[in-house]
Amino acid sequence: MEGRVKAAVDGMDMAEFHGMLNQVMAEHLGAIQVLGYLLGALAGLILVFI
């Protein structure tokens, strides 16, 4: 399995590989950022009312 993944990545154009990684990271990091905003707002509201 590891050999097939390595061969597939080695066979890709480097710009294509970076574009694919950036797309995946943007999706996941965006979700993490929104979740962080929501948790921060919730914590702030709790601290204001306690």
PDB file of N, CA and C in Angstrom:
ATOM      1  N   MET A   1       0.832  -1.195   0.000  1.00  0.00           N
ATOM      2  CA  MET A   1       0.000   0.000   0.000  1.00  0.00           C
ATOM      3  C   MET A   1       0.878   1.260   0.000  1.00  0.00           C
ATOM      4  N   GLU A   2       1.883   1.290   0.873  1.00  0.00           N
ATOM      5  CA  GLU A   2       2.749   2.462   0.966  1.00  0.00           C
ATOM      6  C   GLU A   2       3.470   2.715  -0.351  1.00  0.00           C
ATOM      7  N   GLY A   3       3.890   1.661  -1.002  1.00  0.00           N
ATOM      8  CA  GLY A   3       4.601   1.803  -2.269  1.00  0.00           C
ATOM      9  C   GLY A   3       3.726   2.386  -3.361  1.00  0.00           C
ATOM     10  N   ARG A   4       2.447   2.007  -3.370  1.00  0.00           N
ATOM     11  CA  ARG A   4       1.532   2.536  -4.386  1.00  0.00           C
ATOM     12  C   ARG A   4       1.274   4.019  -4.180  1.00  0.00           C
ATOM     13  N   VAL A   5       1.123   4.427  -2.918  1.00  0.00           N
ATOM     14  CA  VAL A   5       0.886   5.849  -2.630  1.00  0.00           C
ATOM     15  C   VAL A   5       2.108   6.664  -3.024  1.00  0.00           C
ATOM     16  N   LYS A   6       3.292   6.172  -2.640  1.00  0.00           N
ATOM     17  CA  LYS A   6       4.526   6.878  -2.975  1.00  0.00           C
ATOM     18  C   LYS A   6       4.691   6.990  -4.486  1.00  0.00           C
ATOM     19  N   ALA A   7       4.397   5.921  -5.203  1.00  0.00           N
ATOM     20  CA  ALA A   7       4.526   5.946  -6.655  1.00  0.00           C
ATOM     21  C   ALA A   7       3.529   6.925  -7.276  1.00  0.00           C
ATOM     22  N   ALA A   8       2.306   6.978  -6.734  1.00  0.00           N
ATOM     23  CA  ALA A   8       1.291   7.889  -7.260  1.00  0.00           C
ATOM     24  C   ALA A   8       1.697   9.345  -7.029  1.00  0.00           C
ATOM     25  N   VAL A   9       2.220   9.645  -5.834  1.00  0.00           N
ATOM     26  CA  VAL A   9       2.634  11.011  -5.518  1.00  0.00           C
ATOM     27  C   VAL A   9       3.848  11.394  -6.351  1.00  0.00           C
ATOM     28  N   ASP A  10       4.797  10.473  -6.492  1.00  0.00           N
ATOM     29  CA  ASP A  10       5.989  10.754  -7.293  1.00  0.00           C
ATOM     30  C   ASP A  10       5.638  10.997  -8.756  1.00  0.00           C
ATOM     31  N   GLY A  11       4.583  10.364  -9.246  1.00  0.00           N
ATOM     32  CA  GLY A  11       4.181  10.518 -10.637  1.00  0.00           C
ATOM     33  C   GLY A  11       3.385  11.775 -10.920  1.00  0.00           C
ATOM     34  N   MET A  12       2.935  12.468  -9.870  1.00  0.00           N
ATOM     35  CA  MET A  12       2.124  13.673 -10.055  1.00  0.00           C
ATOM     36  C   MET A  12       2.993  14.885 -10.374  1.00  0.00           C
ATOM     37  N   ASP A  13       2.385  15.823 -11.050  1.00  0.00           N
ATOM     38  CA  ASP A  13       3.011  17.124 -11.250  1.00  0.00           C
ATOM     39  C   ASP A  13       2.994  17.846  -9.899  1.00  0.00           C
ATOM     40  N   MET A  14       4.095  18.474  -9.526  1.00  0.00           N
ATOM     41  CA  MET A  14       4.211  19.093  -8.206  1.00  0.00           C
ATOM     42  C   MET A  14       3.174  20.196  -8.004  1.00  0.00           C
ATOM     43  N   ALA A  15       2.869  20.971  -9.019  1.00  0.00           N
ATOM     44  CA  ALA A  15       1.855  22.029  -8.905  1.00  0.00           C
ATOM     45  C   ALA A  15       0.477  21.419  -8.661  1.00  0.00           C
ATOM     46  N   GLU A  16       0.188  20.317  -9.330  1.00  0.00           N
ATOM     47  CA  GLU A  16      -1.097  19.625  -9.151  1.00  0.00           C
ATOM     48  C   GLU A  16      -1.207  19.092  -7.721  1.00  0.00           C
ATOM     49  N   PHE A  17      -0.120  18.526  -7.216  1.00  0.00           N
ATOM     50  CA  PHE A  17      -0.099  17.973  -5.861  1.00  0.00           C
ATOM     51  C   PHE A  17      -0.310  19.077  -4.824  1.00  0.00           C
ATOM     52  N   HIS A  18       0.364  20.206  -4.985  1.00  0.00           N
ATOM     53  CA  HIS A  18       0.203  21.329  -4.055  1.00  0.00           C
ATOM     54  C   HIS A  18      -1.217  21.885  -4.117  1.00  0.00           C
ATOM     55  N   GLY A  19      -1.780  21.970  -5.295  1.00  0.00           N
ATOM     56  CA  GLY A  19      -3.156  22.447  -5.431  1.00  0.00           C
ATOM     57  C   GLY A  19      -4.140  21.543  -4.714  1.00  0.00           C
ATOM     58  N   MET A  20      -3.929  20.238  -4.839  1.00  0.00           N
ATOM     59  CA  MET A  20      -4.802  19.274  -4.178  1.00  0.00           C
ATOM     60  C   MET A  20      -4.679  19.405  -2.660  1.00  0.00           C
ATOM     61  N   LEU A  21      -3.461  19.527  -2.162  1.00  0.00           N
ATOM     62  CA  LEU A  21      -3.258  19.688  -0.715  1.00  0.00           C
ATOM     63  C   LEU A  21      -3.883  20.979  -0.206  1.00  0.00           C
ATOM     64  N   ASN A  22      -3.709  22.059  -0.933  1.00  0.00           N
ATOM     65  CA  ASN A  22      -4.278  23.348  -0.517  1.00  0.00           C
ATOM     66  C   ASN A  22      -5.800  23.296  -0.457  1.00  0.00           C
ATOM     67  N   GLN A  23      -6.403  22.602  -1.402  1.00  0.00           N
ATOM     68  CA  GLN A  23      -7.865  22.484  -1.419  1.00  0.00           C
ATOM     69  C   GLN A  23      -8.361  21.719  -0.193  1.00  0.00           C
ATOM     70  N   VAL A  24      -7.723  20.620   0.126  1.00  0.00           N
ATOM     71  CA  VAL A  24      -8.129  19.812   1.282  1.00  0.00           C
ATOM     72  C   VAL A  24      -7.902  20.590   2.576  1.00  0.00           C
ATOM     73  N   MET A  25      -6.754  21.252   2.689  1.00  0.00           N
ATOM     74  CA  MET A  25      -6.458  22.013   3.907  1.00  0.00           C
ATOM     75  C   MET A  25      -7.421  23.174   4.081  1.00  0.00           C
ATOM     76  N   ALA A  26      -7.791  23.842   3.008  1.00  0.00           N
ATOM     77  CA  ALA A  26      -8.707  24.977   3.105  1.00  0.00           C
ATOM     78  C   ALA A  26     -10.060  24.539   3.645  1.00  0.00           C
ATOM     79  N   GLU A  27     -10.539  23.397   3.193  1.00  0.00           N
ATOM     80  CA  GLU A  27     -11.833  22.899   3.666  1.00  0.00           C
ATOM     81  C   GLU A  27     -11.785  22.602   5.160  1.00  0.00           C
ATOM     82  N   HIS A  28     -10.765  21.882   5.594  1.00  0.00           N
ATOM     83  CA  HIS A  28     -10.701  21.460   6.990  1.00  0.00           C
ATOM     84  C   HIS A  28     -10.320  22.611   7.921  1.00  0.00           C
ATOM     85  N   LEU A  29      -9.395  23.443   7.515  1.00  0.00           N
ATOM     86  CA  LEU A  29      -9.001  24.550   8.376  1.00  0.00           C
ATOM     87  C   LEU A  29     -10.122  25.579   8.505  1.00  0.00           C
ATOM     88  N   GLY A  30     -10.907  25.742   7.463  1.00  0.00           N
ATOM     89  CA  GLY A  30     -12.054  26.646   7.545  1.00  0.00           C
ATOM     90  C   GLY A  30     -13.068  26.160   8.565  1.00  0.00           C
ATOM     91  N   ALA A  31     -13.330  24.859   8.570  1.00  0.00           N
ATOM     92  CA  ALA A  31     -14.269  24.287   9.534  1.00  0.00           C
ATOM     93  C   ALA A  31     -13.731  24.422  10.954  1.00  0.00           C
ATOM     94  N   ILE A  32     -12.452  24.193  11.146  1.00  0.00           N
ATOM     95  CA  ILE A  32     -11.843  24.321  12.471  1.00  0.00           C
ATOM     96  C   ILE A  32     -11.906  25.772  12.939  1.00  0.00           C
ATOM     97  N   GLN A  33     -11.679  26.715  12.040  1.00  0.00           N
ATOM     98  CA  GLN A  33     -11.714  28.135  12.396  1.00  0.00           C
ATOM     99  C   GLN A  33     -13.126  28.551  12.823  1.00  0.00           C
ATOM    100  N   VAL A  34     -14.134  28.128  12.101  1.00  0.00           N
ATOM    101  CA  VAL A  34     -15.516  28.475  12.452  1.00  0.00           C
ATOM    102  C   VAL A  34     -15.883  27.860  13.800  1.00  0.00           C
ATOM    103  N   LEU A  35     -15.476  26.612  14.012  1.00  0.00           N
ATOM    104  CA  LEU A  35     -15.749  25.965  15.296  1.00  0.00           C
ATOM    105  C   LEU A  35     -15.058  26.713  16.432  1.00  0.00           C
ATOM    106  N   GLY A  36     -13.851  27.195  16.198  1.00  0.00           N
ATOM    107  CA  GLY A  36     -13.141  27.968  17.209  1.00  0.00           C
ATOM    108  C   GLY A  36     -13.857  29.265  17.539  1.00  0.00           C
ATOM    109  N   TYR A  37     -14.380  29.942  16.512  1.00  0.00           N
ATOM    110  CA  TYR A  37     -15.145  31.172  16.754  1.00  0.00           C
ATOM    111  C   TYR A  37     -16.377  30.890  17.616  1.00  0.00           C
ATOM    112  N   LEU A  38     -17.083  29.824  17.278  1.00  0.00           N
ATOM    113  CA  LEU A  38     -18.298  29.489  18.018  1.00  0.00           C
ATOM    114  C   LEU A  38     -17.988  29.127  19.468  1.00  0.00           C
ATOM    115  N   LEU A  39     -16.957  28.321  19.675  1.00  0.00           N
ATOM    116  CA  LEU A  39     -16.591  27.950  21.046  1.00  0.00           C
ATOM    117  C   LEU A  39     -16.098  29.162  21.829  1.00  0.00           C
ATOM    118  N   GLY A  40     -15.374  30.054  21.192  1.00  0.00           N
ATOM    119  CA  GLY A  40     -14.913  31.273  21.856  1.00  0.00           C
ATOM    120  C   GLY A  40     -16.069  32.165  22.245  1.00  0.00           C
ATOM    121  N   ALA A  41     -17.038  32.312  21.359  1.00  0.00           N
ATOM    122  CA  ALA A  41     -18.217  33.123  21.666  1.00  0.00           C
ATOM    123  C   ALA A  41     -19.014  32.515  22.816  1.00  0.00           C
ATOM    124  N   LEU A  42     -19.155  31.204  22.796  1.00  0.00           N
ATOM    125  CA  LEU A  42     -19.874  30.520  23.872  1.00  0.00           C
ATOM    126  C   LEU A  42     -19.159  30.707  25.208  1.00  0.00           C
ATOM    127  N   ALA A  43     -17.842  30.552  25.212  1.00  0.00           N
ATOM    128  CA  ALA A  43     -17.072  30.747  26.442  1.00  0.00           C
ATOM    129  C   ALA A  43     -17.186  32.192  26.919  1.00  0.00           C
ATOM    130  N   GLY A  44     -17.151  33.141  26.001  1.00  0.00           N
ATOM    131  CA  GLY A  44     -17.297  34.547  26.368  1.00  0.00           C
ATOM    132  C   GLY A  44     -18.649  34.838  26.990  1.00  0.00           C
ATOM    133  N   LEU A  45     -19.697  34.281  26.405  1.00  0.00           N
ATOM    134  CA  LEU A  45     -21.038  34.486  26.972  1.00  0.00           C
ATOM    135  C   LEU A  45     -21.164  33.877  28.360  1.00  0.00           C
ATOM    136  N   ILE A  46     -20.578  32.716  28.531  1.00  0.00           N
ATOM    137  CA  ILE A  46     -20.624  32.080  29.858  1.00  0.00           C
ATOM    138  C   ILE A  46     -19.895  32.943  30.878  1.00  0.00           C
ATOM    139  N   LEU A  47     -18.746  33.485  30.509  1.00  0.00           N
ATOM    140  CA  LEU A  47     -17.974  34.311  31.436  1.00  0.00           C
ATOM    141  C   LEU A  47     -18.694  35.619  31.756  1.00  0.00           C
ATOM    142  N   VAL A  48     -19.433  36.164  30.807  1.00  0.00           N
ATOM    143  CA  VAL A  48     -20.160  37.413  31.052  1.00  0.00           C
ATOM    144  C   VAL A  48     -21.294  37.201  32.046  1.00  0.00           C
ATOM    145  N   PHE A  49     -21.959  36.068  31.953  1.00  0.00           N
ATOM    146  CA  PHE A  49     -23.139  35.838  32.784  1.00  0.00           C
ATOM    147  C   PHE A  49     -22.834  35.121  34.088  1.00  0.00           C
ATOM    148  N   ILE A  50     -21.594  34.812  34.351  1.00  0.00           N
ATOM    149  CA  ILE A  50     -21.258  34.144  35.629  1.00  0.00           C
ATOM    150  C   ILE A  50     -20.691  35.157  36.596  1.00  0.00           C
TER     151      ILE A  50
END
